[in-house]
Structures are given as structure tokens and as C-alpha cells.
Amino acid sequence: MAYGGLKPETLKRLRELGEELDGGDPKRRRQPANDRPISGTRLIREYQGVEHCVTVYHDSYEYQGRPYKSLSAIARAITGTRWNGLIFFGLKSQRAAR
């Protein structure tokens, strides 16, 4: 870096904070941070004049009182066709998916 970079104490603290967040699991570090909404988030999507609400949980989703493993499964239940759930609920643009 042009200005010498970060102090060793700062780098150490950043590593410690990172391990607190991911538990030191290297696999978890490789997952994109934005591939799943935060637990407790409610996603609302209007489709064909009907408002659909999904609640995000740690490892699943709930739609109309039923658990689902993916947003894509919920999008399919709503539309009857295959959808990328992130795109259907507006969490990812179609352009970014290409």
C-alpha cells in the first residue's frame, strides 16, 4: 500500500472479529455475504395483484405457514413456473444473474 498499510494490531483485531463472525470456518468465509437475507427479514412481493409475504429463518423460509428450503421453491409455488427466488423477490437483478 502507498501509505504503509494497516498496523499489525489492527490486522490482528480484524482477524479476531472475522473469526467471531464465521467461527473460524473457512467454508463459510467463501460463501457470498449477500446470498441470503438476514434471519427475521420479511420479504413482500406483489404478484398478479396479490401480496405474498415470506419470513426468513436461519436455515429455511416460511410462506403461508409452511416451511420451504429455498426462495425458488416459494416462487414456483406462487407462479407455477420455475424462477430464481432471489430474482423473483428482487434481491438480485436479472442482469447480475447472467
Protein backbone atom coordinates (compact mmCIF):
# COMPACT_ATOMS: atom_id res chain seq x y z
CA MET A 1 0.00 0.00 0.00
CA ALA A 2 1.19 3.51 -0.72
CA TYR A 3 0.94 4.64 2.89
CA GLY A 4 2.29 1.51 4.59
CA GLY A 5 -0.96 -0.39 5.17
CA LEU A 6 -2.63 -1.18 8.46
CA LYS A 7 -0.89 -1.55 11.80
CA PRO A 8 -0.23 -5.15 12.90
CA GLU A 9 -2.56 -4.66 15.90
CA THR A 10 -5.35 -3.58 13.56
CA LEU A 11 -4.84 -6.60 11.30
CA LYS A 12 -4.88 -8.91 14.32
CA ARG A 13 -8.10 -7.36 15.60
CA LEU A 14 -9.75 -7.67 12.17
CA ARG A 15 -8.82 -11.37 12.03
CA GLU A 16 -10.28 -11.88 15.52
CA LEU A 17 -13.52 -10.15 14.55
CA GLY A 18 -13.74 -12.23 11.38
CA GLU A 19 -13.37 -15.44 13.37
CA GLU A 20 -16.10 -14.30 15.76
CA LEU A 21 -18.44 -13.88 12.79
CA ASP A 22 -17.71 -17.14 10.99
CA GLY A 23 -16.49 -19.32 13.84
CA GLY A 24 -13.20 -19.89 12.04
CA ASP A 25 -14.94 -21.95 9.34
CA PRO A 26 -13.12 -21.44 6.00
CA LYS A 27 -16.10 -22.82 4.01
CA ARG A 28 -18.36 -20.16 5.48
CA ARG A 29 -15.88 -17.45 4.50
CA ARG A 30 -16.16 -18.42 0.85
CA GLN A 31 -19.95 -18.02 0.78
CA PRO A 32 -21.10 -14.69 -0.64
CA ALA A 33 -22.35 -12.49 2.17
CA ASN A 34 -25.44 -11.41 0.25
CA ASP A 35 -26.74 -14.78 -0.94
CA ARG A 36 -29.32 -14.99 1.84
CA PRO A 37 -31.33 -12.31 3.62
CA ILE A 38 -30.83 -11.92 7.37
CA SER A 39 -32.93 -14.13 9.64
CA GLY A 40 -36.14 -12.39 10.64
CA THR A 41 -36.45 -10.46 7.38
CA ARG A 42 -39.91 -10.39 5.79
CA LEU A 43 -39.95 -10.36 2.02
CA ILE A 44 -43.05 -8.95 0.39
CA ARG A 45 -43.79 -9.36 -3.30
CA GLU A 46 -46.90 -8.47 -5.21
CA TYR A 47 -47.67 -10.89 -8.00
CA GLN A 48 -50.78 -10.66 -10.19
CA GLY A 49 -52.42 -8.27 -7.74
CA VAL A 50 -51.84 -10.48 -4.67
CA GLU A 51 -49.34 -9.62 -1.96
CA HIS A 52 -47.14 -12.54 -0.89
CA CYS A 53 -45.16 -12.43 2.36
CA VAL A 54 -42.20 -14.69 3.22
CA THR A 55 -40.37 -14.82 6.56
CA VAL A 56 -36.67 -15.67 6.50
CA TYR A 57 -35.31 -18.05 9.15
CA HIS A 58 -31.77 -19.20 9.83
CA ASP A 59 -31.99 -22.29 7.61
CA SER A 60 -35.39 -22.05 5.92
CA TYR A 61 -38.23 -19.78 4.82
CA GLU A 62 -41.90 -19.68 5.75
CA TYR A 63 -44.68 -18.90 3.31
CA GLN A 64 -48.37 -19.24 4.18
CA GLY A 65 -47.48 -21.12 7.37
CA ARG A 66 -45.41 -23.76 5.57
CA PRO A 67 -41.62 -24.17 5.70
CA TYR A 68 -39.59 -24.06 2.47
CA LYS A 69 -35.89 -24.69 1.92
CA SER A 70 -35.49 -22.11 -0.84
CA LEU A 71 -36.93 -18.90 -2.22
CA SER A 72 -37.06 -20.57 -5.63
CA ALA A 73 -39.48 -23.19 -4.28
CA ILE A 74 -41.70 -20.41 -2.94
CA ALA A 75 -41.55 -18.50 -6.24
CA ARG A 76 -42.58 -21.69 -8.02
CA ALA A 77 -45.49 -22.22 -5.58
CA ILE A 78 -46.66 -18.67 -6.27
CA THR A 79 -46.24 -18.59 -10.06
CA GLY A 80 -46.43 -22.22 -11.12
CA THR A 81 -43.22 -21.78 -13.13
CA ARG A 82 -39.51 -22.00 -12.37
CA TRP A 83 -37.92 -18.83 -11.06
CA ASN A 84 -34.67 -17.89 -9.42
CA GLY A 85 -36.02 -16.97 -5.98
CA LEU A 86 -33.53 -14.15 -5.43
CA ILE A 87 -34.61 -12.53 -8.69
CA PHE A 88 -38.33 -13.11 -8.07
CA PHE A 89 -38.15 -11.37 -4.68
CA GLY A 90 -35.96 -8.55 -6.01
CA LEU A 91 -32.81 -9.48 -4.08
CA LYS A 92 -30.78 -9.89 -7.25
CA SER A 93 -31.16 -8.29 -10.66
CA GLN A 94 -31.59 -10.45 -13.74
CA ARG A 95 -28.63 -8.67 -15.28
CA ALA A 96 -26.38 -9.70 -12.35
CA ALA A 97 -27.52 -13.31 -12.70
CA ARG A 98 -26.12 -13.60 -16.24
